[in-house]
């Protein structure tokens, strides 16, 4: 399970890094893409914090300047690798409060998979937003990454 999640987080890191590099090169990044990518970073931080039982550093829809994305992304990745490296039971249940204060419980493996899936979902929305703004989206499919 550790190897599987490390591979998924490697893929996630690669995709987000490519997107950050692309946005840094652009003269103007669409506002919706900035909002969505900031949300990807925030959600990853929030889920890592929930797993570790500590307060999150960011709010769900907090906007970050593009110049800060790389540092936030790196810290999220480092924290996720620390979690997977130290995990002894991926079926362990994690209790957490959502934004409205409701209590939920999920397994560690479900939360880790959610982080990856959530990022992929919003990167797809960013790709569509790029097209809507006449920008060419990146090819970030997992199979391309594995080649």
N, C-alpha and C. Protein backbone atom coordinates (compact mmCIF):
# COMPACT_ATOMS: atom_id res chain seq x y z
N UNK A 1 0.82 -1.20 0.00
CA UNK A 1 0.00 0.00 0.00
C UNK A 1 0.87 1.26 0.00
N UNK A 2 1.99 1.22 0.75
CA UNK A 2 2.87 2.39 0.79
C UNK A 2 3.41 2.71 -0.59
N UNK A 3 3.85 1.69 -1.30
CA UNK A 3 4.41 1.90 -2.64
C UNK A 3 3.34 2.49 -3.56
N UNK A 4 2.14 1.95 -3.50
CA UNK A 4 1.03 2.45 -4.32
C UNK A 4 0.78 3.93 -4.05
N UNK A 5 0.65 4.31 -2.80
CA UNK A 5 0.38 5.72 -2.49
C UNK A 5 1.58 6.60 -2.82
N UNK A 6 2.78 6.12 -2.60
CA UNK A 6 3.95 6.92 -2.99
C UNK A 6 3.97 7.17 -4.49
N UNK A 7 3.58 6.17 -5.29
CA UNK A 7 3.51 6.36 -6.74
C UNK A 7 2.44 7.39 -7.11
N UNK A 8 1.28 7.30 -6.46
CA UNK A 8 0.21 8.26 -6.74
C UNK A 8 0.61 9.67 -6.34
N UNK A 9 1.27 9.81 -5.19
CA UNK A 9 1.69 11.15 -4.78
C UNK A 9 2.83 11.67 -5.65
N UNK A 10 3.67 10.79 -6.17
CA UNK A 10 4.68 11.21 -7.15
C UNK A 10 3.99 11.78 -8.39
N UNK A 11 3.00 11.06 -8.88
CA UNK A 11 2.23 11.51 -10.04
C UNK A 11 1.57 12.86 -9.76
N UNK A 12 0.93 12.97 -8.61
CA UNK A 12 0.26 14.22 -8.24
C UNK A 12 1.27 15.36 -8.17
N UNK A 13 2.44 15.09 -7.59
CA UNK A 13 3.48 16.11 -7.48
C UNK A 13 3.92 16.55 -8.87
N UNK A 14 4.16 15.59 -9.75
CA UNK A 14 4.58 15.87 -11.12
C UNK A 14 3.56 16.76 -11.83
N UNK A 15 2.29 16.38 -11.77
CA UNK A 15 1.24 17.14 -12.47
C UNK A 15 1.12 18.56 -11.93
N UNK A 16 1.10 18.69 -10.62
CA UNK A 16 0.97 20.02 -10.04
C UNK A 16 2.20 20.88 -10.35
N UNK A 17 3.37 20.27 -10.32
CA UNK A 17 4.60 21.00 -10.64
C UNK A 17 4.57 21.50 -12.08
N UNK A 18 4.14 20.64 -13.00
CA UNK A 18 4.05 21.04 -14.41
C UNK A 18 3.07 22.21 -14.57
N UNK A 19 1.95 22.13 -13.88
CA UNK A 19 0.95 23.18 -13.97
C UNK A 19 1.48 24.49 -13.37
N UNK A 20 2.18 24.41 -12.27
CA UNK A 20 2.79 25.59 -11.66
C UNK A 20 3.78 26.22 -12.64
N UNK A 21 4.65 25.40 -13.22
CA UNK A 21 5.64 25.91 -14.18
C UNK A 21 4.96 26.59 -15.36
N UNK A 22 3.88 25.99 -15.85
CA UNK A 22 3.16 26.57 -16.99
C UNK A 22 2.53 27.90 -16.61
N UNK A 23 1.93 27.98 -15.45
CA UNK A 23 1.27 29.22 -15.03
C UNK A 23 2.28 30.34 -14.80
N UNK A 24 3.46 29.99 -14.30
CA UNK A 24 4.51 31.00 -14.10
C UNK A 24 4.93 31.60 -15.44
N UNK A 25 4.92 30.80 -16.49
CA UNK A 25 5.33 31.27 -17.82
C UNK A 25 4.28 32.18 -18.48
N UNK A 26 3.02 32.01 -18.10
CA UNK A 26 1.95 32.75 -18.76
C UNK A 26 1.95 34.23 -18.37
N UNK A 27 1.57 35.07 -19.34
CA UNK A 27 1.41 36.50 -19.04
C UNK A 27 0.22 36.73 -18.13
N UNK A 28 -0.85 35.98 -18.37
CA UNK A 28 -2.06 36.13 -17.56
C UNK A 28 -2.69 34.75 -17.36
N UNK A 29 -2.84 34.37 -16.11
CA UNK A 29 -3.49 33.11 -15.76
C UNK A 29 -4.95 33.43 -15.48
N UNK A 30 -5.88 32.67 -16.08
CA UNK A 30 -7.29 32.93 -15.81
C UNK A 30 -7.61 32.86 -14.31
N UNK A 31 -8.44 33.80 -13.86
CA UNK A 31 -8.79 33.88 -12.44
C UNK A 31 -9.37 32.58 -11.90
N UNK A 32 -10.22 31.94 -12.71
CA UNK A 32 -10.83 30.68 -12.26
C UNK A 32 -9.76 29.61 -12.04
N UNK A 33 -8.75 29.58 -12.89
CA UNK A 33 -7.66 28.62 -12.73
C UNK A 33 -6.86 28.91 -11.46
N UNK A 34 -6.64 30.17 -11.17
CA UNK A 34 -5.95 30.54 -9.93
C UNK A 34 -6.76 30.08 -8.72
N UNK A 35 -8.06 30.31 -8.77
CA UNK A 35 -8.94 29.90 -7.68
C UNK A 35 -8.91 28.38 -7.50
N UNK A 36 -9.03 27.64 -8.61
CA UNK A 36 -9.07 26.18 -8.54
C UNK A 36 -7.75 25.59 -8.07
N UNK A 37 -6.63 26.13 -8.56
CA UNK A 37 -5.36 25.55 -8.14
C UNK A 37 -5.07 25.89 -6.69
N UNK A 38 -5.41 27.10 -6.26
CA UNK A 38 -5.27 27.45 -4.84
C UNK A 38 -6.09 26.48 -4.00
N UNK A 39 -7.29 26.15 -4.48
CA UNK A 39 -8.15 25.20 -3.76
C UNK A 39 -7.51 23.81 -3.68
N UNK A 40 -6.89 23.37 -4.75
CA UNK A 40 -6.17 22.08 -4.73
C UNK A 40 -5.13 22.09 -3.61
N UNK A 41 -4.34 23.16 -3.56
CA UNK A 41 -3.30 23.26 -2.54
C UNK A 41 -3.89 23.30 -1.14
N UNK A 42 -4.95 24.08 -0.98
CA UNK A 42 -5.58 24.22 0.34
C UNK A 42 -6.16 22.90 0.81
N UNK A 43 -6.90 22.22 -0.06
CA UNK A 43 -7.53 20.96 0.32
C UNK A 43 -6.48 19.92 0.71
N UNK A 44 -5.40 19.86 -0.05
CA UNK A 44 -4.32 18.91 0.27
C UNK A 44 -3.78 19.21 1.66
N UNK A 45 -3.55 20.47 1.95
CA UNK A 45 -3.06 20.87 3.27
C UNK A 45 -4.06 20.52 4.37
N UNK A 46 -5.33 20.78 4.12
CA UNK A 46 -6.38 20.50 5.11
C UNK A 46 -6.46 19.01 5.41
N UNK A 47 -6.43 18.16 4.36
CA UNK A 47 -6.51 16.72 4.58
C UNK A 47 -5.28 16.20 5.31
N UNK A 48 -4.09 16.68 4.94
CA UNK A 48 -2.88 16.27 5.68
C UNK A 48 -3.01 16.64 7.15
N UNK A 49 -3.50 17.85 7.42
CA UNK A 49 -3.65 18.31 8.80
C UNK A 49 -4.65 17.44 9.56
N UNK A 50 -5.74 17.07 8.91
CA UNK A 50 -6.73 16.20 9.55
C UNK A 50 -6.11 14.86 9.92
N UNK A 51 -5.33 14.30 9.01
CA UNK A 51 -4.68 13.02 9.28
C UNK A 51 -3.73 13.15 10.46
N UNK A 52 -2.98 14.24 10.49
CA UNK A 52 -1.98 14.44 11.54
C UNK A 52 -2.57 15.00 12.83
N UNK A 53 -3.86 15.33 12.81
CA UNK A 53 -4.52 15.84 14.00
C UNK A 53 -4.06 17.23 14.41
N UNK A 54 -3.79 18.07 13.43
CA UNK A 54 -3.36 19.43 13.74
C UNK A 54 -4.18 20.43 12.91
N UNK A 55 -4.12 21.70 13.26
CA UNK A 55 -4.90 22.69 12.50
C UNK A 55 -4.31 22.90 11.10
N UNK A 56 -5.18 23.15 10.14
CA UNK A 56 -4.75 23.43 8.77
C UNK A 56 -4.17 24.84 8.69
N UNK A 57 -3.30 25.03 7.73
CA UNK A 57 -2.68 26.34 7.52
C UNK A 57 -3.54 27.27 6.66
N UNK A 58 -4.49 26.69 5.91
CA UNK A 58 -5.24 27.48 4.94
C UNK A 58 -6.73 27.19 5.03
N UNK A 59 -7.52 28.10 4.51
CA UNK A 59 -8.96 27.92 4.37
C UNK A 59 -9.22 27.27 3.01
N UNK A 60 -10.37 26.64 2.87
CA UNK A 60 -10.69 25.86 1.67
C UNK A 60 -10.54 26.66 0.37
N UNK A 61 -11.04 27.87 0.32
CA UNK A 61 -11.04 28.66 -0.92
C UNK A 61 -10.10 29.86 -0.86
N UNK A 62 -9.11 29.79 0.03
CA UNK A 62 -8.12 30.87 0.13
C UNK A 62 -7.31 30.95 -1.16
N UNK A 63 -7.11 32.15 -1.66
CA UNK A 63 -6.36 32.36 -2.90
C UNK A 63 -4.90 32.63 -2.56
N UNK A 64 -4.00 32.01 -3.34
CA UNK A 64 -2.57 32.21 -3.15
C UNK A 64 -1.96 32.82 -4.41
N UNK A 65 -1.00 33.72 -4.26
CA UNK A 65 -0.27 34.21 -5.43
C UNK A 65 0.47 33.05 -6.10
N UNK A 66 0.53 33.09 -7.40
CA UNK A 66 1.18 32.01 -8.16
C UNK A 66 2.62 31.79 -7.67
N UNK A 67 3.31 32.86 -7.31
CA UNK A 67 4.70 32.73 -6.86
C UNK A 67 4.83 31.89 -5.59
N UNK A 68 3.74 31.72 -4.83
CA UNK A 68 3.78 30.92 -3.60
C UNK A 68 3.36 29.47 -3.81
N UNK A 69 2.82 29.15 -4.97
CA UNK A 69 2.29 27.81 -5.21
C UNK A 69 3.34 26.72 -5.01
N UNK A 70 4.54 26.92 -5.54
CA UNK A 70 5.57 25.89 -5.46
C UNK A 70 5.93 25.51 -4.04
N UNK A 71 6.07 26.49 -3.17
CA UNK A 71 6.42 26.21 -1.78
C UNK A 71 5.30 25.48 -1.05
N UNK A 72 4.06 25.92 -1.28
CA UNK A 72 2.92 25.25 -0.63
C UNK A 72 2.81 23.81 -1.13
N UNK A 73 2.97 23.65 -2.44
CA UNK A 73 2.88 22.32 -3.04
C UNK A 73 3.97 21.40 -2.49
N UNK A 74 5.18 21.90 -2.40
CA UNK A 74 6.28 21.09 -1.88
C UNK A 74 5.99 20.64 -0.44
N UNK A 75 5.50 21.56 0.38
CA UNK A 75 5.22 21.23 1.78
C UNK A 75 4.09 20.20 1.87
N UNK A 76 3.06 20.34 1.03
CA UNK A 76 1.98 19.35 1.01
C UNK A 76 2.54 17.97 0.67
N UNK A 77 3.38 17.92 -0.34
CA UNK A 77 3.96 16.65 -0.77
C UNK A 77 4.82 16.04 0.33
N UNK A 78 5.66 16.86 0.94
CA UNK A 78 6.53 16.38 2.02
C UNK A 78 5.69 15.78 3.14
N UNK A 79 4.63 16.47 3.50
CA UNK A 79 3.76 16.01 4.58
C UNK A 79 3.06 14.69 4.20
N UNK A 80 2.60 14.58 2.97
CA UNK A 80 1.93 13.34 2.53
C UNK A 80 2.90 12.17 2.52
N UNK A 81 4.14 12.40 2.09
CA UNK A 81 5.14 11.32 2.12
C UNK A 81 5.46 10.92 3.56
N UNK A 82 5.50 11.88 4.44
CA UNK A 82 5.71 11.58 5.85
C UNK A 82 4.57 10.70 6.38
N UNK A 83 3.36 11.04 6.00
CA UNK A 83 2.19 10.26 6.43
C UNK A 83 2.27 8.83 5.90
N UNK A 84 2.53 8.67 4.61
CA UNK A 84 2.56 7.32 4.03
C UNK A 84 3.75 6.52 4.56
N UNK A 85 4.87 7.18 4.76
CA UNK A 85 6.06 6.49 5.27
C UNK A 85 5.84 5.96 6.69
N UNK A 86 5.16 6.75 7.50
CA UNK A 86 4.96 6.38 8.91
C UNK A 86 3.71 5.53 9.14
N UNK A 87 2.90 5.36 8.13
CA UNK A 87 1.65 4.60 8.30
C UNK A 87 1.94 3.12 8.53
N UNK A 88 1.27 2.57 9.52
CA UNK A 88 1.38 1.13 9.78
C UNK A 88 0.06 0.42 9.48
N UNK A 89 -1.00 1.21 9.34
CA UNK A 89 -2.32 0.65 9.08
C UNK A 89 -3.13 1.64 8.24
N UNK A 90 -3.33 1.31 6.98
CA UNK A 90 -4.06 2.21 6.08
C UNK A 90 -5.57 2.11 6.27
N UNK A 91 -6.01 1.15 7.10
CA UNK A 91 -7.43 1.00 7.43
C UNK A 91 -7.81 1.78 8.70
N UNK A 92 -6.82 2.40 9.32
CA UNK A 92 -7.11 3.17 10.54
C UNK A 92 -8.14 4.25 10.21
N UNK A 93 -9.04 4.47 11.14
CA UNK A 93 -10.10 5.45 10.92
C UNK A 93 -9.68 6.80 11.51
N UNK A 94 -9.91 7.85 10.72
CA UNK A 94 -9.56 9.21 11.11
C UNK A 94 -10.86 9.98 11.32
N UNK A 95 -11.02 10.57 12.48
CA UNK A 95 -12.17 11.43 12.76
C UNK A 95 -11.79 12.86 12.40
N UNK A 96 -12.72 13.58 11.76
CA UNK A 96 -12.46 14.97 11.41
C UNK A 96 -13.77 15.74 11.31
N UNK A 97 -13.67 17.04 11.52
CA UNK A 97 -14.81 17.94 11.34
C UNK A 97 -14.71 18.57 9.96
N UNK A 98 -15.87 18.67 9.28
CA UNK A 98 -15.86 19.38 8.01
C UNK A 98 -15.97 20.88 8.28
N UNK A 99 -16.08 21.66 7.21
CA UNK A 99 -16.12 23.13 7.35
C UNK A 99 -17.31 23.61 8.16
N UNK A 100 -18.39 22.83 8.18
CA UNK A 100 -19.59 23.20 8.94
C UNK A 100 -19.55 22.66 10.38
N UNK A 101 -18.48 21.98 10.74
CA UNK A 101 -18.35 21.45 12.08
C UNK A 101 -18.97 20.09 12.30
N UNK A 102 -19.44 19.42 11.22
CA UNK A 102 -19.99 18.07 11.34
C UNK A 102 -18.85 17.06 11.44
N UNK A 103 -19.03 16.09 12.30
CA UNK A 103 -18.02 15.05 12.51
C UNK A 103 -18.19 13.93 11.48
N UNK A 104 -17.07 13.54 10.88
CA UNK A 104 -17.04 12.43 9.93
C UNK A 104 -15.88 11.51 10.29
N UNK A 105 -15.91 10.30 9.77
CA UNK A 105 -14.83 9.33 9.94
C UNK A 105 -14.56 8.67 8.60
N UNK A 106 -13.29 8.59 8.23
CA UNK A 106 -12.88 7.91 7.00
C UNK A 106 -11.58 7.17 7.28
N UNK A 107 -11.31 6.15 6.47
CA UNK A 107 -10.04 5.43 6.62
C UNK A 107 -8.91 6.27 6.04
N UNK A 108 -7.71 6.01 6.51
CA UNK A 108 -6.53 6.70 6.00
C UNK A 108 -6.41 6.49 4.49
N UNK A 109 -6.61 5.25 4.03
CA UNK A 109 -6.45 5.00 2.60
C UNK A 109 -7.49 5.76 1.78
N UNK A 110 -8.72 5.89 2.28
CA UNK A 110 -9.74 6.64 1.56
C UNK A 110 -9.39 8.12 1.49
N UNK A 111 -8.87 8.66 2.58
CA UNK A 111 -8.48 10.07 2.59
C UNK A 111 -7.31 10.31 1.63
N UNK A 112 -6.31 9.45 1.68
CA UNK A 112 -5.16 9.62 0.78
C UNK A 112 -5.58 9.53 -0.68
N UNK A 113 -6.44 8.56 -0.98
CA UNK A 113 -6.92 8.45 -2.37
C UNK A 113 -7.74 9.67 -2.75
N UNK A 114 -8.53 10.17 -1.82
CA UNK A 114 -9.33 11.37 -2.09
C UNK A 114 -8.44 12.57 -2.44
N UNK A 115 -7.34 12.74 -1.74
CA UNK A 115 -6.43 13.86 -2.05
C UNK A 115 -6.01 13.80 -3.51
N UNK A 116 -5.61 12.62 -3.97
CA UNK A 116 -5.17 12.45 -5.36
C UNK A 116 -6.33 12.69 -6.33
N UNK A 117 -7.45 12.05 -6.07
CA UNK A 117 -8.60 12.15 -6.96
C UNK A 117 -9.13 13.58 -7.02
N UNK A 118 -9.18 14.24 -5.89
CA UNK A 118 -9.64 15.63 -5.81
C UNK A 118 -8.75 16.53 -6.65
N UNK A 119 -7.46 16.34 -6.57
CA UNK A 119 -6.52 17.14 -7.36
C UNK A 119 -6.73 16.90 -8.85
N UNK A 120 -6.90 15.65 -9.24
CA UNK A 120 -7.12 15.32 -10.65
C UNK A 120 -8.41 15.98 -11.15
N UNK A 121 -9.45 15.90 -10.35
CA UNK A 121 -10.73 16.50 -10.71
C UNK A 121 -10.57 18.00 -11.01
N UNK A 122 -9.92 18.71 -10.12
CA UNK A 122 -9.80 20.16 -10.31
C UNK A 122 -8.77 20.52 -11.38
N UNK A 123 -7.75 19.69 -11.59
CA UNK A 123 -6.84 19.95 -12.72
C UNK A 123 -7.59 19.83 -14.04
N UNK A 124 -8.56 18.93 -14.09
CA UNK A 124 -9.39 18.81 -15.30
C UNK A 124 -10.22 20.07 -15.51
N UNK A 125 -10.74 20.62 -14.44
CA UNK A 125 -11.48 21.88 -14.56
C UNK A 125 -10.55 23.01 -15.02
N UNK A 126 -9.32 23.01 -14.55
CA UNK A 126 -8.35 24.00 -14.99
C UNK A 126 -8.06 23.83 -16.47
N UNK A 127 -7.94 22.59 -16.93
CA UNK A 127 -7.71 22.34 -18.36
C UNK A 127 -8.85 22.93 -19.20
N UNK A 128 -10.07 22.73 -18.76
CA UNK A 128 -11.23 23.30 -19.47
C UNK A 128 -11.19 24.83 -19.42
N UNK A 129 -10.81 25.38 -18.29
CA UNK A 129 -10.72 26.83 -18.16
C UNK A 129 -9.62 27.38 -19.06
N UNK A 130 -8.52 26.65 -19.20
CA UNK A 130 -7.48 27.06 -20.14
C UNK A 130 -8.07 27.11 -21.56
N UNK A 131 -8.75 26.05 -21.96
CA UNK A 131 -9.36 26.03 -23.31
C UNK A 131 -10.33 27.18 -23.51
N UNK A 132 -11.15 27.45 -22.50
CA UNK A 132 -12.11 28.56 -22.57
C UNK A 132 -11.42 29.90 -22.75
N UNK A 133 -10.16 29.98 -22.34
CA UNK A 133 -9.38 31.21 -22.44
C UNK A 133 -8.31 31.13 -23.53
N UNK A 134 -8.52 30.20 -24.46
CA UNK A 134 -7.65 30.02 -25.63
C UNK A 134 -6.20 29.71 -25.25
N UNK A 135 -6.05 28.96 -24.17
CA UNK A 135 -4.74 28.47 -23.75
C UNK A 135 -4.74 26.96 -23.93
N UNK A 136 -3.60 26.41 -24.29
CA UNK A 136 -3.49 24.96 -24.49
C UNK A 136 -3.26 24.28 -23.14
N UNK A 137 -4.18 23.39 -22.74
CA UNK A 137 -3.97 22.68 -21.47
C UNK A 137 -2.84 21.65 -21.58
N UNK A 138 -2.26 21.32 -20.46
CA UNK A 138 -1.20 20.31 -20.43
C UNK A 138 -1.80 18.92 -20.51
N UNK A 139 -1.03 17.98 -21.07
CA UNK A 139 -1.43 16.57 -21.07
C UNK A 139 -0.90 15.95 -19.78
N UNK A 140 -1.79 15.72 -18.83
CA UNK A 140 -1.38 15.23 -17.52
C UNK A 140 -2.00 13.89 -17.17
N UNK A 141 -2.45 13.14 -18.16
CA UNK A 141 -3.01 11.82 -17.90
C UNK A 141 -1.94 10.92 -17.25
N UNK A 142 -2.41 10.07 -16.36
CA UNK A 142 -1.51 9.17 -15.63
C UNK A 142 -0.69 8.31 -16.60
N UNK A 143 -1.31 7.82 -17.64
CA UNK A 143 -0.59 6.93 -18.57
C UNK A 143 0.54 7.65 -19.27
N UNK A 144 0.37 8.95 -19.55
CA UNK A 144 1.46 9.73 -20.15
C UNK A 144 2.61 9.90 -19.16
N UNK A 145 2.25 10.09 -17.91
CA UNK A 145 3.24 10.23 -16.85
C UNK A 145 4.07 8.93 -16.72
N UNK A 146 3.41 7.78 -16.82
CA UNK A 146 4.09 6.50 -16.65
C UNK A 146 4.98 6.11 -17.84
N UNK A 147 4.81 6.78 -18.97
CA UNK A 147 5.63 6.44 -20.15
C UNK A 147 7.01 6.92 -19.95
